Amino acid sequence: MIKQLREEQQLVYSIGCTIQPPSDIPDTGMMFGISVTDPATSEKLADEILRMLRDFAEKGPTDEEVTTAKKQTAKYLENQLKEPTYWLQQLSDMTYRKRP
């Protein structure tokens, strides 16, 4: 999204894309992109985001995207494991789901 929507099409300055896996109800996770843009380009941006998400759903990630995601996840976990709030959330979820 950064390469296509920011660098190539110049529709946004910054954009994020994230996955929110299901926690309570199976198969209810979400994947979404979010950004701020000029109202004049908002429909084009929305169309492009939907096109990219559909393309991703059909084809899956490229090898480069998987490599990048692994690096980002490792860095995120490295930082999160140092934070008490991360562990509080883990313990809370274990209690809620009655897991040891």
C-alpha atoms as a PDB file:
ATOM      1  CA  MET A   1       0.000   0.000   0.000  1.00  0.00           C
ATOM      2  CA  ILE A   2       2.832   2.375   0.797  1.00  0.00           C
ATOM      3  CA  LYS A   3       4.503   1.711  -2.538  1.00  0.00           C
ATOM      4  CA  GLN A   4       1.377   1.851  -4.679  1.00  0.00           C
ATOM      5  CA  LEU A   5      -0.895   4.317  -2.890  1.00  0.00           C
ATOM      6  CA  ARG A   6       1.706   6.695  -1.500  1.00  0.00           C
ATOM      7  CA  GLU A   7       4.689   6.536  -3.799  1.00  0.00           C
ATOM      8  CA  GLU A   8       3.176   5.651  -7.176  1.00  0.00           C
ATOM      9  CA  GLN A   9      -0.357   7.106  -7.071  1.00  0.00           C
ATOM     10  CA  GLN A  10       0.309   9.782  -4.432  1.00  0.00           C
ATOM     11  CA  LEU A  11      -3.164   9.365  -2.919  1.00  0.00           C
ATOM     12  CA  VAL A  12      -1.969   9.455   0.706  1.00  0.00           C
ATOM     13  CA  TYR A  13       0.952  10.573   2.817  1.00  0.00           C
ATOM     14  CA  SER A  14       0.694   7.610   5.175  1.00  0.00           C
ATOM     15  CA  ILE A  15      -1.412   4.480   5.218  1.00  0.00           C
ATOM     16  CA  GLY A  16      -1.712   1.480   7.486  1.00  0.00           C
ATOM     17  CA  CYS A  17      -2.994  -2.006   6.972  1.00  0.00           C
ATOM     18  CA  THR A  18      -3.619  -4.465   9.758  1.00  0.00           C
ATOM     19  CA  ILE A  19      -5.154  -7.810  10.535  1.00  0.00           C
ATOM     20  CA  GLN A  20      -7.348  -8.330  13.552  1.00  0.00           C
ATOM     21  CA  PRO A  21      -7.717 -12.086  14.083  1.00  0.00           C
ATOM     22  CA  PRO A  22     -10.922 -13.458  15.560  1.00  0.00           C
ATOM     23  CA  SER A  23     -10.906 -13.986  19.296  1.00  0.00           C
ATOM     24  CA  ASP A  24     -14.450 -14.838  20.343  1.00  0.00           C
ATOM     25  CA  ILE A  25     -16.260 -16.027  17.215  1.00  0.00           C
ATOM     26  CA  PRO A  26     -14.360 -18.139  14.660  1.00  0.00           C
ATOM     27  CA  ASP A  27     -14.014 -16.732  11.125  1.00  0.00           C
ATOM     28  CA  THR A  28     -14.843 -13.161  12.153  1.00  0.00           C
ATOM     29  CA  GLY A  29     -11.412 -11.591  11.856  1.00  0.00           C
ATOM     30  CA  MET A  30     -10.791  -8.431   9.854  1.00  0.00           C
ATOM     31  CA  MET A  31      -8.153  -7.040   7.557  1.00  0.00           C
ATOM     32  CA  PHE A  32      -8.359  -3.351   6.789  1.00  0.00           C
ATOM     33  CA  GLY A  33      -6.479  -0.352   5.513  1.00  0.00           C
ATOM     34  CA  ILE A  34      -6.805   3.108   7.006  1.00  0.00           C
ATOM     35  CA  SER A  35      -5.593   6.540   5.995  1.00  0.00           C
ATOM     36  CA  VAL A  36      -6.434  10.210   5.661  1.00  0.00           C
ATOM     37  CA  THR A  37      -6.780  11.728   2.213  1.00  0.00           C
ATOM     38  CA  ASP A  38      -8.103  14.705   0.318  1.00  0.00           C
ATOM     39  CA  PRO A  39     -11.903  14.430  -0.031  1.00  0.00           C
ATOM     40  CA  ALA A  40     -11.454  14.799  -3.785  1.00  0.00           C
ATOM     41  CA  THR A  41      -9.470  11.527  -3.902  1.00  0.00           C
ATOM     42  CA  SER A  42     -11.347   9.601  -1.218  1.00  0.00           C
ATOM     43  CA  GLU A  43     -13.434   7.448  -3.584  1.00  0.00           C
ATOM     44  CA  LYS A  44     -10.405   6.545  -5.671  1.00  0.00           C
ATOM     45  CA  LEU A  45      -8.462   5.667  -2.519  1.00  0.00           C
ATOM     46  CA  ALA A  46     -11.308   3.514  -1.171  1.00  0.00           C
ATOM     47  CA  ASP A  47     -11.595   1.715  -4.523  1.00  0.00           C
ATOM     48  CA  GLU A  48      -7.845   1.086  -4.625  1.00  0.00           C
ATOM     49  CA  ILE A  49      -7.771  -0.252  -1.056  1.00  0.00           C
ATOM     50  CA  LEU A  50     -10.643  -2.639  -1.815  1.00  0.00           C
ATOM     51  CA  ARG A  51      -8.940  -3.752  -5.031  1.00  0.00           C
ATOM     52  CA  MET A  52      -5.696  -4.419  -3.157  1.00  0.00           C
ATOM     53  CA  LEU A  53      -7.425  -6.356  -0.364  1.00  0.00           C
ATOM     54  CA  ARG A  54      -9.353  -8.474  -2.877  1.00  0.00           C
ATOM     55  CA  ASP A  55      -6.140  -9.146  -4.790  1.00  0.00           C
ATOM     56  CA  PHE A  56      -4.423 -10.133  -1.538  1.00  0.00           C
ATOM     57  CA  ALA A  57      -7.313 -12.459  -0.644  1.00  0.00           C
ATOM     58  CA  GLU A  58      -7.062 -14.187  -4.030  1.00  0.00           C
ATOM     59  CA  LYS A  59      -3.292 -14.434  -4.411  1.00  0.00           C
ATOM     60  CA  GLY A  60      -1.930 -14.235  -0.875  1.00  0.00           C
ATOM     61  CA  PRO A  61       1.270 -12.456   0.115  1.00  0.00           C
ATOM     62  CA  THR A  62       4.422 -12.326  -1.983  1.00  0.00           C
ATOM     63  CA  ASP A  63       7.663 -13.756  -0.625  1.00  0.00           C
ATOM     64  CA  GLU A  64       8.884 -10.201  -0.044  1.00  0.00           C
ATOM     65  CA  GLU A  65       5.734  -9.355   1.951  1.00  0.00           C
ATOM     66  CA  VAL A  66       6.148 -12.468   4.103  1.00  0.00           C
ATOM     67  CA  THR A  67       9.782 -11.591   4.812  1.00  0.00           C
ATOM     68  CA  THR A  68       8.835  -8.021   5.746  1.00  0.00           C
ATOM     69  CA  ALA A  69       5.949  -9.195   7.941  1.00  0.00           C
ATOM     70  CA  LYS A  70       8.226 -11.636   9.795  1.00  0.00           C
ATOM     71  CA  LYS A  71      10.751  -8.881  10.507  1.00  0.00           C
ATOM     72  CA  GLN A  72       8.042  -6.471  11.666  1.00  0.00           C
ATOM     73  CA  THR A  73       6.414  -9.113  13.888  1.00  0.00           C
ATOM     74  CA  ALA A  74       9.733 -10.081  15.465  1.00  0.00           C
ATOM     75  CA  LYS A  75      10.509  -6.424  16.235  1.00  0.00           C
ATOM     76  CA  TYR A  76       6.986  -5.847  17.582  1.00  0.00           C
ATOM     77  CA  LEU A  77       7.195  -8.870  19.880  1.00  0.00           C
ATOM     78  CA  GLU A  78      10.676  -7.917  21.032  1.00  0.00           C
ATOM     79  CA  ASN A  79       9.282  -4.578  22.172  1.00  0.00           C
ATOM     80  CA  GLN A  80       5.980  -5.890  23.541  1.00  0.00           C
ATOM     81  CA  LEU A  81       7.533  -8.631  25.674  1.00  0.00           C
ATOM     82  CA  LYS A  82       9.188  -5.874  27.718  1.00  0.00           C
ATOM     83  CA  GLU A  83       5.876  -4.150  28.494  1.00  0.00           C
ATOM     84  CA  PRO A  84       3.740  -5.024  31.533  1.00  0.00           C
ATOM     85  CA  THR A  85       0.554  -4.203  29.605  1.00  0.00           C
ATOM     86  CA  TYR A  86       1.340  -6.961  27.121  1.00  0.00           C
ATOM     87  CA  TRP A  87       1.560  -9.528  29.917  1.00  0.00           C
ATOM     88  CA  LEU A  88      -1.530  -8.147  31.628  1.00  0.00           C
ATOM     89  CA  GLN A  89      -3.498  -8.702  28.408  1.00  0.00           C
ATOM     90  CA  GLN A  90      -2.123 -12.237  28.070  1.00  0.00           C
ATOM     91  CA  LEU A  91      -3.051 -13.131  31.650  1.00  0.00           C
ATOM     92  CA  SER A  92      -6.456 -11.523  31.302  1.00  0.00           C
ATOM     93  CA  ASP A  93      -7.210 -13.540  28.174  1.00  0.00           C
ATOM     94  CA  MET A  94      -6.030 -16.759  29.819  1.00  0.00           C
ATOM     95  CA  THR A  95      -8.333 -16.131  32.778  1.00  0.00           C
ATOM     96  CA  TYR A  96     -11.265 -15.232  30.520  1.00  0.00           C
ATOM     97  CA  ARG A  97     -10.824 -18.377  28.431  1.00  0.00           C
ATOM     98  CA  LYS A  98     -10.019 -20.568  31.467  1.00  0.00           C
ATOM     99  CA  ARG A  99      -6.626 -21.587  30.065  1.00  0.00           C
ATOM    100  CA  PRO A 100      -3.667 -22.564  32.251  1.00  0.00           C
END
